[in-house]
C-alpha atoms as a PDB file:
ATOM      1  CA  UNK A   1     -15.075 -12.014  -6.001  1.00  0.00           C
ATOM      2  CA  UNK A   2     -13.593  -8.591  -5.326  1.00  0.00           C
ATOM      3  CA  UNK A   3     -16.046  -6.164  -3.746  1.00  0.00           C
ATOM      4  CA  UNK A   4     -15.722  -3.052  -5.898  1.00  0.00           C
ATOM      5  CA  UNK A   5     -17.473   0.279  -5.564  1.00  0.00           C
ATOM      6  CA  UNK A   6     -18.141   2.521  -8.540  1.00  0.00           C
ATOM      7  CA  UNK A   7     -18.401   6.286  -8.148  1.00  0.00           C
ATOM      8  CA  UNK A   8     -18.973   8.179 -11.355  1.00  0.00           C
ATOM      9  CA  UNK A   9     -18.485  11.892 -11.780  1.00  0.00           C
ATOM     10  CA  UNK A  10     -16.856  14.753 -13.588  1.00  0.00           C
ATOM     11  CA  UNK A  11     -14.171  15.254 -10.907  1.00  0.00           C
ATOM     12  CA  UNK A  12     -13.807  18.819 -12.128  1.00  0.00           C
ATOM     13  CA  UNK A  13     -11.574  18.753 -10.125  1.00  0.00           C
ATOM     14  CA  UNK A  14     -11.366  15.917  -7.597  1.00  0.00           C
ATOM     15  CA  UNK A  15     -11.288  17.338  -4.079  1.00  0.00           C
ATOM     16  CA  UNK A  16     -11.019  16.265  -0.439  1.00  0.00           C
ATOM     17  CA  UNK A  17     -14.784  15.742  -0.198  1.00  0.00           C
ATOM     18  CA  UNK A  18     -14.554  12.989  -2.837  1.00  0.00           C
ATOM     19  CA  UNK A  19     -11.732  11.356  -0.896  1.00  0.00           C
ATOM     20  CA  UNK A  20     -13.461  11.685   2.473  1.00  0.00           C
ATOM     21  CA  UNK A  21     -16.758  10.153   1.402  1.00  0.00           C
ATOM     22  CA  UNK A  22     -15.034   7.433  -0.623  1.00  0.00           C
ATOM     23  CA  UNK A  23     -12.907   6.247   2.292  1.00  0.00           C
ATOM     24  CA  UNK A  24     -15.993   6.239   4.508  1.00  0.00           C
ATOM     25  CA  UNK A  25     -17.852   4.141   1.922  1.00  0.00           C
ATOM     26  CA  UNK A  26     -14.946   1.706   1.646  1.00  0.00           C
ATOM     27  CA  UNK A  27     -15.159   1.102   5.389  1.00  0.00           C
ATOM     28  CA  UNK A  28     -18.958   0.949   5.542  1.00  0.00           C
ATOM     29  CA  UNK A  29     -19.287  -1.455   2.606  1.00  0.00           C
ATOM     30  CA  UNK A  30     -16.090  -3.434   3.246  1.00  0.00           C
ATOM     31  CA  UNK A  31     -14.844  -2.753  -0.286  1.00  0.00           C
ATOM     32  CA  UNK A  32     -11.628  -4.140  -1.733  1.00  0.00           C
ATOM     33  CA  UNK A  33     -11.443  -1.198  -4.128  1.00  0.00           C
ATOM     34  CA  UNK A  34     -13.444   1.827  -5.167  1.00  0.00           C
ATOM     35  CA  UNK A  35     -13.163   3.005  -8.759  1.00  0.00           C
ATOM     36  CA  UNK A  36     -13.627   6.671  -9.565  1.00  0.00           C
ATOM     37  CA  UNK A  37     -15.119   6.678 -13.073  1.00  0.00           C
ATOM     38  CA  UNK A  38     -13.865  10.010 -14.387  1.00  0.00           C
ATOM     39  CA  UNK A  39     -16.466  10.764 -17.022  1.00  0.00           C
ATOM     40  CA  UNK A  40     -15.343  11.787 -20.515  1.00  0.00           C
ATOM     41  CA  UNK A  41     -18.615  13.740 -20.731  1.00  0.00           C
ATOM     42  CA  UNK A  42     -21.717  13.781 -18.548  1.00  0.00           C
ATOM     43  CA  UNK A  43     -24.843  13.875 -20.775  1.00  0.00           C
ATOM     44  CA  UNK A  44     -26.607  15.960 -18.094  1.00  0.00           C
ATOM     45  CA  UNK A  45     -23.797  18.540 -18.055  1.00  0.00           C
ATOM     46  CA  UNK A  46     -23.151  18.954 -21.760  1.00  0.00           C
ATOM     47  CA  UNK A  47     -21.994  22.420 -22.723  1.00  0.00           C
ATOM     48  CA  UNK A  48     -20.796  23.374 -19.240  1.00  0.00           C
ATOM     49  CA  UNK A  49     -18.382  26.262 -19.903  1.00  0.00           C
ATOM     50  CA  UNK A  50     -16.098  25.475 -16.950  1.00  0.00           C
ATOM     51  CA  UNK A  51     -15.631  21.759 -17.680  1.00  0.00           C
ATOM     52  CA  UNK A  52     -11.915  20.964 -17.928  1.00  0.00           C
ATOM     53  CA  UNK A  53     -10.585  18.361 -20.399  1.00  0.00           C
ATOM     54  CA  UNK A  54     -10.470  14.731 -19.310  1.00  0.00           C
ATOM     55  CA  UNK A  55      -6.688  14.535 -18.812  1.00  0.00           C
ATOM     56  CA  UNK A  56      -6.377  17.151 -16.029  1.00  0.00           C
ATOM     57  CA  UNK A  57      -9.549  15.881 -14.340  1.00  0.00           C
ATOM     58  CA  UNK A  58      -8.103  12.372 -14.259  1.00  0.00           C
ATOM     59  CA  UNK A  59      -4.768  13.751 -13.046  1.00  0.00           C
ATOM     60  CA  UNK A  60      -6.495  15.589 -10.196  1.00  0.00           C
ATOM     61  CA  UNK A  61      -8.306  12.388  -9.242  1.00  0.00           C
ATOM     62  CA  UNK A  62      -5.080  10.376  -9.175  1.00  0.00           C
ATOM     63  CA  UNK A  63      -3.449  13.012  -6.998  1.00  0.00           C
ATOM     64  CA  UNK A  64      -6.360  13.072  -4.556  1.00  0.00           C
ATOM     65  CA  UNK A  65      -6.559   9.257  -4.364  1.00  0.00           C
ATOM     66  CA  UNK A  66      -2.912   8.613  -3.478  1.00  0.00           C
ATOM     67  CA  UNK A  67      -2.153   5.926  -0.890  1.00  0.00           C
ATOM     68  CA  UNK A  68      -5.741   4.628  -0.773  1.00  0.00           C
ATOM     69  CA  UNK A  69      -7.716   1.714  -2.332  1.00  0.00           C
ATOM     70  CA  UNK A  70      -9.317   4.287  -4.672  1.00  0.00           C
ATOM     71  CA  UNK A  71      -8.578   3.732  -8.370  1.00  0.00           C
ATOM     72  CA  UNK A  72      -9.325   6.684 -10.650  1.00  0.00           C
ATOM     73  CA  UNK A  73      -9.959   5.495 -14.193  1.00  0.00           C
ATOM     74  CA  UNK A  74     -10.931   6.793 -17.616  1.00  0.00           C
ATOM     75  CA  UNK A  75     -12.299   3.391 -18.566  1.00  0.00           C
ATOM     76  CA  UNK A  76     -15.520   4.903 -19.948  1.00  0.00           C
ATOM     77  CA  UNK A  77     -13.487   6.678 -22.617  1.00  0.00           C
ATOM     78  CA  UNK A  78     -11.917   3.340 -23.573  1.00  0.00           C
ATOM     79  CA  UNK A  79     -15.251   1.512 -23.516  1.00  0.00           C
ATOM     80  CA  UNK A  80     -16.850   4.227 -25.628  1.00  0.00           C
ATOM     81  CA  UNK A  81     -19.835   4.587 -23.284  1.00  0.00           C
ATOM     82  CA  UNK A  82     -21.674   7.790 -22.353  1.00  0.00           C
ATOM     83  CA  UNK A  83     -24.464   6.415 -20.206  1.00  0.00           C
ATOM     84  CA  UNK A  84     -24.166   4.601 -16.884  1.00  0.00           C
ATOM     85  CA  UNK A  85     -26.397   1.738 -17.987  1.00  0.00           C
ATOM     86  CA  UNK A  86     -24.034   0.951 -20.879  1.00  0.00           C
ATOM     87  CA  UNK A  87     -20.934   1.321 -18.725  1.00  0.00           C
ATOM     88  CA  UNK A  88     -22.296  -1.104 -16.137  1.00  0.00           C
ATOM     89  CA  UNK A  89     -23.248  -3.677 -18.760  1.00  0.00           C
ATOM     90  CA  UNK A  90     -19.724  -3.683 -20.170  1.00  0.00           C
ATOM     91  CA  UNK A  91     -17.995  -3.682 -16.779  1.00  0.00           C
ATOM     92  CA  UNK A  92     -20.046  -6.641 -15.558  1.00  0.00           C
ATOM     93  CA  UNK A  93     -19.121  -8.610 -18.685  1.00  0.00           C
ATOM     94  CA  UNK A  94     -15.452  -7.577 -18.618  1.00  0.00           C
ATOM     95  CA  UNK A  95     -14.863  -8.251 -14.911  1.00  0.00           C
ATOM     96  CA  UNK A  96     -16.775 -11.412 -13.928  1.00  0.00           C
ATOM     97  CA  UNK A  97     -14.501 -11.801 -10.880  1.00  0.00           C
ATOM     98  CA  UNK A  98     -15.868  -8.621  -9.280  1.00  0.00           C
ATOM     99  CA  UNK A  99     -19.103  -7.680  -7.571  1.00  0.00           C
ATOM    100  CA  UNK A 100     -19.989  -4.051  -8.205  1.00  0.00           C
ATOM    101  CA  UNK A 101     -22.016  -1.577  -6.162  1.00  0.00           C
ATOM    102  CA  UNK A 102     -22.924   1.844  -7.556  1.00  0.00           C
ATOM    103  CA  UNK A 103     -22.340   4.837  -5.273  1.00  0.00           C
ATOM    104  CA  UNK A 104     -23.947   8.220  -5.750  1.00  0.00           C
ATOM    105  CA  UNK A 105     -24.750  11.301  -3.729  1.00  0.00           C
ATOM    106  CA  UNK A 106     -28.265  12.278  -2.731  1.00  0.00           C
ATOM    107  CA  UNK A 107     -28.072  15.090  -5.291  1.00  0.00           C
ATOM    108  CA  UNK A 108     -27.840  12.474  -8.053  1.00  0.00           C
ATOM    109  CA  UNK A 109     -30.668  10.456  -6.538  1.00  0.00           C
ATOM    110  CA  UNK A 110     -32.817  13.543  -7.003  1.00  0.00           C
ATOM    111  CA  UNK A 111     -32.306  13.401 -10.763  1.00  0.00           C
ATOM    112  CA  UNK A 112     -31.916   9.634 -11.111  1.00  0.00           C
ATOM    113  CA  UNK A 113     -35.226   9.391 -12.951  1.00  0.00           C
ATOM    114  CA  UNK A 114     -33.616  11.421 -15.766  1.00  0.00           C
ATOM    115  CA  UNK A 115     -30.851   8.848 -16.290  1.00  0.00           C
ATOM    116  CA  UNK A 116     -31.224   6.563 -19.269  1.00  0.00           C
ATOM    117  CA  UNK A 117     -32.828   3.224 -18.257  1.00  0.00           C
ATOM    118  CA  UNK A 118     -32.569   4.040 -14.570  1.00  0.00           C
ATOM    119  CA  UNK A 119     -34.706   1.105 -13.487  1.00  0.00           C
ATOM    120  CA  UNK A 120     -32.459  -1.227 -15.465  1.00  0.00           C
ATOM    121  CA  UNK A 121     -29.446   0.254 -13.652  1.00  0.00           C
ATOM    122  CA  UNK A 122     -31.080  -0.566 -10.322  1.00  0.00           C
ATOM    123  CA  UNK A 123     -31.695  -4.122 -11.467  1.00  0.00           C
ATOM    124  CA  UNK A 124     -28.046  -4.587 -12.483  1.00  0.00           C
ATOM    125  CA  UNK A 125     -26.186  -3.679  -9.272  1.00  0.00           C
ATOM    126  CA  UNK A 126     -26.956  -2.620  -5.699  1.00  0.00           C
ATOM    127  CA  UNK A 127     -26.945   1.149  -5.160  1.00  0.00           C
ATOM    128  CA  UNK A 128     -25.600   3.049  -2.156  1.00  0.00           C
ATOM    129  CA  UNK A 129     -26.811   6.632  -1.804  1.00  0.00           C
ATOM    130  CA  UNK A 130     -24.639   8.935   0.285  1.00  0.00           C
ATOM    131  CA  UNK A 131     -26.393  11.722   2.157  1.00  0.00           C
ATOM    132  CA  UNK A 132     -25.506  15.316   1.247  1.00  0.00           C
ATOM    133  CA  UNK A 133     -26.622  18.316   3.293  1.00  0.00           C
ATOM    134  CA  UNK A 134     -29.531  20.094   1.639  1.00  0.00           C
ATOM    135  CA  UNK A 135     -30.305  17.312  -0.837  1.00  0.00           C
ATOM    136  CA  UNK A 136     -31.639  14.426   1.241  1.00  0.00           C
ATOM    137  CA  UNK A 137     -35.272  15.463   1.748  1.00  0.00           C
ATOM    138  CA  UNK A 138     -35.891  16.670  -1.845  1.00  0.00           C
ATOM    139  CA  UNK A 139     -34.213  13.542  -3.253  1.00  0.00           C
ATOM    140  CA  UNK A 140     -36.462  11.230  -1.243  1.00  0.00           C
ATOM    141  CA  UNK A 141     -39.502  12.980  -2.662  1.00  0.00           C
ATOM    142  CA  UNK A 142     -38.444  12.514  -6.286  1.00  0.00           C
ATOM    143  CA  UNK A 143     -39.954  10.061  -8.753  1.00  0.00           C
ATOM    144  CA  UNK A 144     -37.170   7.457  -8.629  1.00  0.00           C
ATOM    145  CA  UNK A 145     -37.404   7.097  -4.877  1.00  0.00           C
ATOM    146  CA  UNK A 146     -41.107   6.307  -5.161  1.00  0.00           C
ATOM    147  CA  UNK A 147     -40.064   3.037  -6.814  1.00  0.00           C
ATOM    148  CA  UNK A 148     -36.714   2.467  -5.081  1.00  0.00           C
ATOM    149  CA  UNK A 149     -38.032   2.807  -1.527  1.00  0.00           C
ATOM    150  CA  UNK A 150     -39.469  -0.708  -1.843  1.00  0.00           C
ATOM    151  CA  UNK A 151     -35.912  -2.050  -2.074  1.00  0.00           C
ATOM    152  CA  UNK A 152     -34.221  -0.182   0.801  1.00  0.00           C
ATOM    153  CA  UNK A 153     -31.991  -2.409   2.947  1.00  0.00           C
ATOM    154  CA  UNK A 154     -31.051  -1.806   6.611  1.00  0.00           C
ATOM    155  CA  UNK A 155     -27.826   0.134   7.075  1.00  0.00           C
ATOM    156  CA  UNK A 156     -26.752  -2.424   9.659  1.00  0.00           C
ATOM    157  CA  UNK A 157     -26.480  -4.967   6.828  1.00  0.00           C
ATOM    158  CA  UNK A 158     -24.279  -2.765   4.621  1.00  0.00           C
ATOM    159  CA  UNK A 159     -21.354  -5.196   4.608  1.00  0.00           C
ATOM    160  CA  UNK A 160     -23.582  -7.981   3.296  1.00  0.00           C
ATOM    161  CA  UNK A 161     -24.410  -6.253   0.009  1.00  0.00           C
ATOM    162  CA  UNK A 162     -22.450  -8.772  -2.101  1.00  0.00           C
ATOM    163  CA  UNK A 163     -25.113 -11.374  -1.230  1.00  0.00           C
ATOM    164  CA  UNK A 164     -28.036  -9.238  -2.338  1.00  0.00           C
ATOM    165  CA  UNK A 165     -29.976  -9.593  -5.527  1.00  0.00           C
ATOM    166  CA  UNK A 166     -30.739  -6.182  -7.071  1.00  0.00           C
ATOM    167  CA  UNK A 167     -32.696  -3.993  -6.848  1.00  0.00           C
ATOM    168  CA  UNK A 168     -31.217  -3.136  -3.469  1.00  0.00           C
ATOM    169  CA  UNK A 169     -30.738   0.348  -2.050  1.00  0.00           C
ATOM    170  CA  UNK A 170     -28.652   1.532   0.889  1.00  0.00           C
ATOM    171  CA  UNK A 171     -28.954   5.002   2.373  1.00  0.00           C
ATOM    172  CA  UNK A 172     -25.631   5.926   3.961  1.00  0.00           C
ATOM    173  CA  UNK A 173     -24.819   8.914   6.107  1.00  0.00           C
ATOM    174  CA  UNK A 174     -21.286  10.080   6.867  1.00  0.00           C
ATOM    175  CA  UNK A 175     -19.894  13.165   8.541  1.00  0.00           C
ATOM    176  CA  UNK A 176     -19.951  15.804   5.762  1.00  0.00           C
ATOM    177  CA  UNK A 177     -16.805  17.382   4.375  1.00  0.00           C
ATOM    178  CA  UNK A 178     -16.653  20.991   3.199  1.00  0.00           C
ATOM    179  CA  UNK A 179     -14.782  20.145  -0.013  1.00  0.00           C
ATOM    180  CA  UNK A 180     -16.439  21.401  -3.185  1.00  0.00           C
ATOM    181  CA  UNK A 181     -15.419  21.393  -6.844  1.00  0.00           C
ATOM    182  CA  UNK A 182     -17.469  24.548  -7.362  1.00  0.00           C
ATOM    183  CA  UNK A 183     -15.489  26.286  -4.617  1.00  0.00           C
ATOM    184  CA  UNK A 184     -12.178  25.108  -6.087  1.00  0.00           C
ATOM    185  CA  UNK A 185     -13.104  26.458  -9.522  1.00  0.00           C
ATOM    186  CA  UNK A 186     -14.262  29.769  -8.033  1.00  0.00           C
ATOM    187  CA  UNK A 187     -10.970  30.234  -6.191  1.00  0.00           C
ATOM    188  CA  UNK A 188      -8.783  28.936  -9.014  1.00  0.00           C
ATOM    189  CA  UNK A 189     -10.561  29.006 -12.407  1.00  0.00           C
ATOM    190  CA  UNK A 190      -7.435  27.772 -14.199  1.00  0.00           C
ATOM    191  CA  UNK A 191      -6.828  24.905 -11.751  1.00  0.00           C
ATOM    192  CA  UNK A 192      -6.304  22.410 -14.556  1.00  0.00           C
ATOM    193  CA  UNK A 193      -3.141  24.151 -15.740  1.00  0.00           C
ATOM    194  CA  UNK A 194      -1.303  23.052 -12.596  1.00  0.00           C
ATOM    195  CA  UNK A 195      -1.614  19.334 -13.366  1.00  0.00           C
ATOM    196  CA  UNK A 196       0.781  17.262 -15.412  1.00  0.00           C
ATOM    197  CA  UNK A 197      -1.433  15.729 -18.072  1.00  0.00           C
ATOM    198  CA  UNK A 198       1.068  13.040 -19.089  1.00  0.00           C
ATOM    199  CA  UNK A 199      -0.367   9.993 -17.344  1.00  0.00           C
ATOM    200  CA  UNK A 200       1.465   6.795 -18.202  1.00  0.00           C
ATOM    201  CA  UNK A 201      -1.362   4.306 -17.772  1.00  0.00           C
ATOM    202  CA  UNK A 202      -4.852   3.815 -16.434  1.00  0.00           C
ATOM    203  CA  UNK A 203      -4.901   2.433 -12.873  1.00  0.00           C
ATOM    204  CA  UNK A 204      -7.726  -0.011 -13.694  1.00  0.00           C
ATOM    205  CA  UNK A 205      -7.124  -1.140 -17.267  1.00  0.00           C
ATOM    206  CA  UNK A 206      -3.321  -0.738 -17.126  1.00  0.00           C
ATOM    207  CA  UNK A 207      -3.509   0.550 -20.673  1.00  0.00           C
ATOM    208  CA  UNK A 208      -1.661   3.660 -21.841  1.00  0.00           C
ATOM    209  CA  UNK A 209      -3.653   6.843 -21.584  1.00  0.00           C
ATOM    210  CA  UNK A 210      -3.754   8.746 -24.853  1.00  0.00           C
END
């Protein structure tokens, strides 16, 4: 069973903060791989005027993930899923030789109760929440954490997550990185024009990217 982390996001664009926290999570959780699920469209960010098309976002993720066990993928576009609960259901069926753990920042934990079937998500795979400055305290006071706090596991057992039966929650803390997609877009609004959008194949599915 390959220990595989899943980190979903817009990656608009991918930046050094994504890379930094992902490599830290790979070490902390003893992952074989970490997949960046580059979302074709986040239901909670619909209509965002500065959202770049999928192709340059995926290209930025591949560039940022070079020479690491990180695998950027547009598999959600191929699966035809928009919601995390549906993506997880299909990934678990498609890859029975892998054990998945869902990674998300504390900012997403704060709005986790707004995700479709969020309790079902927690019952499908373990979840690792990565601390983010300014978000930790508010996130722990939100509705989802009122239920999830009953399933928190000790950080010292983080490498044993493949043996856990969900729900299981880990609260991880790494040295923060100053990287920010918002800052990148502010400094270079047309960032996506600098990426070659012709990607031969998806690093996870090995299928051509159209």
